[in-house]
Every structure is written in C-alpha cells, then in structure tokens.
N, C-alpha and C. Protein backbone atom coordinates (compact mmCIF):
# COMPACT_ATOMS: atom_id res chain seq x y z
N UNK A 1 6.12 -8.11 -13.25
CA UNK A 1 5.18 -8.75 -13.14
C UNK A 1 5.67 -10.53 -12.95
N UNK A 2 6.34 -10.80 -13.80
CA UNK A 2 7.13 -11.73 -13.58
C UNK A 2 7.80 -12.10 -13.19
N UNK A 3 8.06 -11.39 -11.86
CA UNK A 3 9.32 -11.75 -10.60
C UNK A 3 10.88 -11.91 -11.06
N UNK A 4 11.39 -11.06 -11.82
CA UNK A 4 12.29 -10.80 -12.40
C UNK A 4 13.16 -9.81 -11.46
N UNK A 5 11.99 -8.53 -11.14
CA UNK A 5 12.63 -7.86 -9.95
C UNK A 5 12.66 -8.15 -9.07
N UNK A 6 12.68 -9.58 -7.75
CA UNK A 6 13.06 -10.05 -6.84
C UNK A 6 14.33 -11.09 -7.59
N UNK A 7 14.77 -11.25 -8.61
CA UNK A 7 14.57 -12.78 -8.80
C UNK A 7 16.57 -11.60 -9.19
N UNK A 8 16.68 -10.50 -10.10
CA UNK A 8 17.74 -9.81 -9.79
C UNK A 8 18.10 -9.13 -8.46
N UNK A 9 17.10 -8.91 -7.51
CA UNK A 9 17.35 -8.35 -6.61
C UNK A 9 18.62 -9.46 -5.60
N UNK A 10 18.13 -10.73 -6.00
CA UNK A 10 18.31 -12.07 -4.73
C UNK A 10 19.98 -11.99 -5.64
N UNK A 11 19.79 -12.20 -6.61
CA UNK A 11 21.29 -12.46 -7.50
C UNK A 11 21.92 -11.35 -6.88
N UNK A 12 21.62 -9.83 -6.80
CA UNK A 12 22.27 -8.78 -6.79
C UNK A 12 22.62 -9.46 -4.93
N UNK A 13 22.07 -9.45 -4.49
CA UNK A 13 22.59 -9.48 -2.55
C UNK A 13 23.66 -10.28 -2.52
N UNK A 14 22.91 -11.71 -2.93
CA UNK A 14 24.21 -12.87 -3.42
C UNK A 14 25.23 -12.59 -3.50
N UNK A 15 25.35 -11.94 -4.62
CA UNK A 15 27.40 -10.81 -4.87
C UNK A 15 27.35 -10.02 -3.74
N UNK A 16 26.34 -9.53 -2.65
CA UNK A 16 27.35 -9.39 -2.04
C UNK A 16 27.09 -7.55 -1.92
N UNK A 17 26.43 -7.61 -3.04
CA UNK A 17 26.58 -5.55 -3.86
C UNK A 17 24.81 -5.89 -2.20
N UNK A 18 24.79 -3.89 -2.15
CA UNK A 18 23.88 -3.84 -1.74
C UNK A 18 22.51 -2.85 -2.66
N UNK A 19 21.41 -3.12 -2.00
CA UNK A 19 20.22 -2.31 -3.17
C UNK A 19 19.78 -1.23 -2.39
N UNK A 20 19.76 -0.27 -2.98
CA UNK A 20 18.92 1.20 -2.50
C UNK A 20 17.29 1.49 -3.62
N UNK A 21 16.49 1.62 -2.18
CA UNK A 21 14.45 1.91 -3.38
C UNK A 21 14.77 3.49 -2.94
N UNK A 22 14.33 3.30 -4.11
CA UNK A 22 13.39 4.76 -4.55
C UNK A 22 12.24 5.56 -4.79
N UNK A 23 12.10 5.82 -3.58
CA UNK A 23 10.60 5.17 -3.77
C UNK A 23 9.96 6.62 -4.85
N UNK A 24 11.06 7.19 -5.06
CA UNK A 24 9.93 8.20 -6.05
C UNK A 24 9.63 6.86 -7.75
N UNK A 25 10.69 6.62 -7.75
CA UNK A 25 9.92 5.49 -8.50
C UNK A 25 8.69 4.77 -8.61
N UNK A 26 8.38 5.09 -10.37
CA UNK A 26 6.97 4.50 -10.28
C UNK A 26 7.23 3.22 -11.87
N UNK A 27 6.55 2.56 -11.78
CA UNK A 27 6.10 1.53 -12.80
C UNK A 27 4.33 1.42 -12.61
N UNK A 28 3.57 1.70 -14.62
CA UNK A 28 3.00 1.73 -15.37
C UNK A 28 2.42 0.32 -15.78
N UNK A 29 1.41 -0.17 -15.67
CA UNK A 29 1.34 -1.63 -16.00
C UNK A 29 -0.20 -1.64 -16.77
N UNK A 30 -0.22 -1.52 -17.67
CA UNK A 30 -1.52 -1.98 -18.56
C UNK A 30 -2.37 -3.11 -18.69
N UNK A 31 -3.16 -3.28 -18.95
CA UNK A 31 -4.49 -4.27 -18.53
C UNK A 31 -4.15 -4.61 -19.83
N UNK A 32 -4.13 -6.59 -19.08
CA UNK A 32 -4.31 -7.25 -20.96
C UNK A 32 -5.26 -6.85 -21.85
N UNK A 33 -5.19 -7.27 -23.21
CA UNK A 33 -6.38 -6.29 -24.12
C UNK A 33 -7.24 -7.70 -23.83
N UNK A 34 -6.34 -9.24 -23.94
CA UNK A 34 -7.20 -10.13 -24.88
C UNK A 34 -7.15 -10.94 -24.00
N UNK A 35 -8.20 -12.42 -23.78
CA UNK A 35 -7.91 -12.75 -22.42
C UNK A 35 -7.14 -14.13 -22.94
N UNK A 36 -6.55 -14.50 -24.31
CA UNK A 36 -5.54 -15.19 -24.48
C UNK A 36 -3.80 -15.03 -23.49
N UNK A 37 -3.80 -13.28 -24.09
CA UNK A 37 -3.08 -13.06 -22.59
C UNK A 37 -2.92 -13.46 -21.71
N UNK A 38 -4.20 -12.56 -20.96
CA UNK A 38 -4.10 -13.17 -19.66
C UNK A 38 -4.49 -14.54 -18.92
N UNK A 39 -4.69 -15.32 -19.88
CA UNK A 39 -3.60 -17.20 -19.16
C UNK A 39 -2.74 -16.79 -19.07
N UNK A 40 -1.80 -16.78 -20.62
CA UNK A 40 -0.62 -15.87 -20.47
C UNK A 40 0.71 -15.69 -18.78
N UNK A 41 -0.30 -14.92 -18.96
CA UNK A 41 0.29 -13.69 -17.72
C UNK A 41 0.26 -14.44 -16.07
N UNK A 42 -1.37 -15.50 -16.80
CA UNK A 42 -1.51 -15.96 -15.25
C UNK A 42 -0.09 -17.27 -15.17
N UNK A 43 -0.09 -17.69 -16.00
CA UNK A 43 1.06 -19.45 -16.25
C UNK A 43 2.34 -18.68 -16.01
N UNK A 44 2.81 -16.93 -16.48
CA UNK A 44 4.23 -17.17 -16.20
C UNK A 44 4.12 -16.14 -14.84
N UNK A 45 3.41 -15.71 -14.66
CA UNK A 45 3.66 -15.26 -13.08
C UNK A 45 4.20 -17.08 -11.88
N UNK A 46 2.23 -16.84 -11.96
CA UNK A 46 2.85 -19.04 -10.89
C UNK A 46 4.03 -19.86 -11.48
N UNK A 47 4.85 -19.46 -12.74
CA UNK A 47 5.97 -20.40 -12.89
C UNK A 47 7.00 -19.91 -12.15
N UNK A 48 7.12 -17.99 -12.56
CA UNK A 48 8.70 -18.10 -11.98
C UNK A 48 8.74 -17.64 -10.70
N UNK A 49 7.51 -16.99 -10.42
CA UNK A 49 7.23 -16.54 -8.48
C UNK A 49 7.69 -18.68 -7.64
N UNK A 50 7.25 -19.44 -8.02
CA UNK A 50 7.86 -20.60 -8.07
C UNK A 50 9.26 -20.93 -7.58
N UNK A 51 9.64 -20.23 -9.19
CA UNK A 51 11.05 -20.68 -9.92
C UNK A 51 11.74 -20.06 -8.91
N UNK A 52 12.01 -18.87 -8.62
CA UNK A 52 11.85 -17.80 -7.64
C UNK A 52 13.11 -18.65 -6.36
N UNK A 53 11.09 -18.62 -5.89
CA UNK A 53 11.78 -19.66 -3.92
C UNK A 53 12.82 -20.83 -4.52
N UNK A 54 12.26 -21.37 -5.38
CA UNK A 54 13.56 -23.10 -5.34
C UNK A 54 14.60 -21.70 -5.50
N UNK A 55 14.99 -21.14 -6.36
CA UNK A 55 16.24 -20.68 -6.50
C UNK A 55 16.63 -19.73 -5.07
N UNK A 56 16.28 -19.64 -4.66
CA UNK A 56 16.53 -18.30 -3.54
C UNK A 56 15.70 -18.64 -2.33
N UNK A 57 15.03 -19.48 -1.92
CA UNK A 57 14.10 -19.30 -0.84
C UNK A 57 15.06 -19.94 0.07
N UNK A 58 15.04 -20.08 1.24
CA UNK A 58 15.73 -20.83 2.54
C UNK A 58 15.17 -21.97 2.33
N UNK A 59 15.33 -23.38 1.88
CA UNK A 59 14.81 -24.66 1.57
C UNK A 59 13.08 -24.61 2.63
N UNK A 60 13.02 -24.58 3.83
CA UNK A 60 12.22 -24.62 5.40
C UNK A 60 10.54 -24.51 4.54
N UNK A 61 11.39 -22.83 3.51
CA UNK A 61 10.12 -21.77 3.04
C UNK A 61 9.82 -22.37 1.58
N UNK A 62 10.25 -22.87 0.92
CA UNK A 62 9.90 -23.48 0.15
C UNK A 62 8.64 -24.06 -0.13
N UNK A 63 8.35 -25.86 0.28
CA UNK A 63 7.40 -25.96 0.75
C UNK A 63 6.41 -25.21 1.09
N UNK A 64 6.43 -24.61 2.15
CA UNK A 64 5.28 -23.35 2.12
C UNK A 64 4.43 -22.95 0.74
N UNK A 65 5.41 -22.27 -0.65
CA UNK A 65 5.89 -21.69 -0.88
C UNK A 65 5.20 -22.22 -1.90
N UNK A 66 5.03 -24.05 -2.52
CA UNK A 66 4.09 -23.68 -3.61
C UNK A 66 2.78 -24.75 -2.84
N UNK A 67 2.54 -25.07 -1.46
CA UNK A 67 1.59 -25.21 -0.97
C UNK A 67 0.53 -24.17 -1.27
N UNK A 68 0.61 -23.05 -1.35
CA UNK A 68 0.39 -21.76 -0.94
C UNK A 68 0.30 -20.86 -2.36
N UNK A 69 1.50 -21.36 -2.83
CA UNK A 69 0.86 -20.22 -4.43
C UNK A 69 0.96 -21.24 -5.43
N UNK A 70 1.17 -22.18 -4.79
CA UNK A 70 0.41 -23.72 -5.91
C UNK A 70 -0.78 -24.16 -5.71
N UNK A 71 -0.77 -25.15 -4.81
CA UNK A 71 -1.88 -25.94 -4.43
C UNK A 71 -3.26 -25.18 -4.31
N UNK A 72 -2.69 -24.25 -2.99
CA UNK A 72 -4.33 -23.41 -2.60
C UNK A 72 -4.43 -22.49 -3.43
N UNK A 73 -3.77 -21.96 -3.87
CA UNK A 73 -4.44 -20.73 -5.64
C UNK A 73 -5.15 -22.08 -6.71
N UNK A 74 -4.60 -22.66 -6.49
CA UNK A 74 -5.59 -23.75 -7.61
C UNK A 74 -6.17 -24.16 -7.45
N UNK A 75 -6.78 -24.38 -5.93
CA UNK A 75 -7.77 -25.13 -5.96
C UNK A 75 -9.25 -23.16 -5.30
N UNK A 76 -8.38 -22.76 -4.77
CA UNK A 76 -9.16 -21.91 -4.64
C UNK A 76 -9.69 -21.43 -6.60
N UNK A 77 -8.85 -21.42 -7.23
CA UNK A 77 -9.29 -20.44 -8.63
C UNK A 77 -10.58 -21.44 -9.03
N UNK A 78 -10.77 -23.17 -8.81
CA UNK A 78 -12.26 -23.79 -9.30
C UNK A 78 -13.22 -23.33 -8.27
N UNK A 79 -13.36 -22.63 -7.41
CA UNK A 79 -13.94 -21.75 -6.34
C UNK A 79 -14.63 -20.21 -7.17
N UNK A 80 -13.65 -19.34 -7.32
CA UNK A 80 -13.69 -17.63 -7.80
C UNK A 80 -13.03 -17.31 -9.19
N UNK A 81 -12.36 -18.37 -9.39
CA UNK A 81 -11.60 -17.44 -10.61
C UNK A 81 -11.34 -18.34 -11.82
N UNK A 82 -12.32 -19.63 -12.36
CA UNK A 82 -12.89 -20.84 -13.00
C UNK A 82 -11.77 -20.52 -13.77
N UNK A 83 -11.70 -19.52 -14.51
CA UNK A 83 -10.72 -19.09 -15.94
C UNK A 83 -9.42 -19.18 -15.65
N UNK A 84 -8.93 -19.34 -14.72
CA UNK A 84 -7.07 -19.09 -14.45
C UNK A 84 -6.70 -20.65 -13.69
N UNK A 85 -7.77 -21.83 -14.52
CA UNK A 85 -6.93 -23.19 -13.14
C UNK A 85 -6.54 -23.39 -13.84
N UNK A 86 -6.45 -23.58 -15.81
CA UNK A 86 -5.68 -24.86 -16.23
C UNK A 86 -4.18 -23.76 -16.59
N UNK A 87 -4.48 -22.54 -16.68
CA UNK A 87 -2.87 -21.50 -16.34
C UNK A 87 -2.30 -22.33 -15.40
N UNK A 88 -3.07 -22.69 -13.99
CA UNK A 88 -2.20 -22.13 -13.15
C UNK A 88 -1.43 -24.37 -13.33
N UNK A 89 -2.44 -25.48 -13.55
CA UNK A 89 -1.96 -26.71 -13.48
C UNK A 89 -1.10 -26.43 -14.68
N UNK A 90 -0.89 -25.62 -15.46
CA UNK A 90 0.15 -25.39 -16.22
C UNK A 90 1.22 -25.56 -16.06
N UNK A 91 0.76 -24.12 -14.99
CA UNK A 91 2.46 -23.10 -14.71
C UNK A 91 2.66 -24.19 -14.16
N UNK A 92 1.83 -25.54 -12.94
CA UNK A 92 2.35 -26.69 -11.79
C UNK A 92 3.03 -27.47 -11.98
N UNK A 93 2.85 -28.27 -13.53
CA UNK A 93 3.54 -29.04 -13.91
C UNK A 93 4.58 -28.23 -14.36
N UNK A 94 4.83 -27.46 -14.94
CA UNK A 94 6.48 -26.40 -15.56
C UNK A 94 6.84 -26.78 -14.92
N UNK A 95 6.46 -26.23 -13.20
CA UNK A 95 7.51 -26.16 -12.40
C UNK A 95 8.02 -27.95 -11.35
N UNK A 96 7.28 -28.31 -11.80
CA UNK A 96 7.37 -29.90 -11.14
C UNK A 96 8.39 -30.55 -12.50
N UNK A 97 8.50 -30.27 -13.32
CA UNK A 97 9.20 -31.21 -14.22
C UNK A 97 10.53 -30.20 -14.53
N UNK A 98 10.62 -28.83 -14.32
CA UNK A 98 11.52 -27.99 -14.36
C UNK A 98 12.89 -27.93 -12.91
N UNK A 99 11.59 -28.22 -11.45
CA UNK A 99 11.95 -28.00 -10.61
C UNK A 99 13.82 -29.10 -9.81
N UNK A 100 14.22 -29.66 -11.15
CA UNK A 100 15.48 -30.54 -10.90
C UNK A 100 16.38 -29.76 -11.22
N UNK A 101 16.32 -29.50 -11.96
CA UNK A 101 17.23 -28.46 -13.19
C UNK A 101 17.33 -27.18 -12.25
N UNK A 102 16.04 -26.51 -11.67
CA UNK A 102 16.48 -24.81 -11.06
C UNK A 102 17.10 -25.92 -9.32
N UNK A 103 16.96 -26.44 -8.87
CA UNK A 103 17.78 -27.57 -8.05
C UNK A 103 19.46 -27.06 -8.18
N UNK A 104 19.60 -27.91 -10.01
CA UNK A 104 20.86 -28.14 -10.69
C UNK A 104 21.43 -26.33 -10.12
N UNK A 105 20.75 -25.72 -11.10
CA UNK A 105 21.50 -24.45 -11.03
C UNK A 105 21.66 -23.91 -9.97
N UNK A 106 21.11 -23.71 -8.22
CA UNK A 106 20.68 -22.96 -7.34
C UNK A 106 21.67 -23.70 -6.96
N UNK A 107 22.38 -24.99 -6.89
CA UNK A 107 23.61 -24.94 -6.16
C UNK A 107 25.07 -25.37 -6.93
N UNK A 108 24.98 -24.69 -9.18
CA UNK A 108 26.43 -24.65 -9.31
C UNK A 108 26.30 -23.02 -9.40
N UNK A 109 25.12 -22.45 -8.89
CA UNK A 109 25.24 -20.84 -9.68
C UNK A 109 24.83 -19.98 -10.44
N UNK A 110 24.11 -20.98 -11.05
CA UNK A 110 24.18 -20.84 -13.32
C UNK A 110 22.85 -20.35 -13.10
N UNK A 111 23.13 -19.11 -13.85
CA UNK A 111 21.83 -19.09 -14.10
C UNK A 111 20.81 -19.68 -14.77
N UNK A 112 19.59 -19.63 -14.23
CA UNK A 112 19.09 -20.62 -15.38
C UNK A 112 18.35 -19.89 -16.39
N UNK A 113 17.67 -20.39 -17.67
CA UNK A 113 16.79 -19.84 -18.13
C UNK A 113 14.91 -20.22 -17.53
N UNK A 114 14.47 -19.25 -17.38
CA UNK A 114 12.84 -18.96 -16.55
C UNK A 114 12.25 -19.51 -17.59
C-alpha cells in the first residue's frame, strides 16, 4: 500500500539478487474505517511513491513521475476528489523538504527512513 514492496524489490535487485514471482500469492487489503485514516493513507502513498522514484529510478524519469503523481494528481483532486487535496499538499511538502536527504541516501546507498 505504501510502496514498501517496490522499495524492497529495488534494493534486492541493486544487491545483485533475483526476484521470484509467485502467482498464487494473494494479498487482501481492508477498507479504511475512518476518514482521518483515509487522509493518512493518501499522504503516505504519495510521499512513499515519490520517494521510491527519487531513490531508485533513472534520473530522467524522476521529473515526469513528480509531475504526474505530484502536480497533475494534486490538480485533478481539486475537481474529482477534493477530500484528498490537503493530504496531497502535505505529502508534496514533505517530499520537497526531504528530497535533499533522500538524494544523499541514494548516493551513499544507505537505507533512508521513509
């Protein structure tokens, strides 16, 4: 839900190991029981997705991902899903503040705290 699986797979591949897909494996995710939790989920999904891009994607992909998952989705939320606007703003703000330390982690190869 928060991109941990993508993060883990990227780190495993960078270490030179292979991944194995198990098609029979299933994951079940429940619905958020409270609107405040919905806002937290939106916040964490956006900040972690953008962080994974910054930590592992090729540099030419990062601006496009930020524009698509950050800016475009933020503007789209104004017309289609207004309740997610402020959690998205909070996530983008977090990302902008943390981007320098994430880049530093990318080059040092140290696990950042997302």
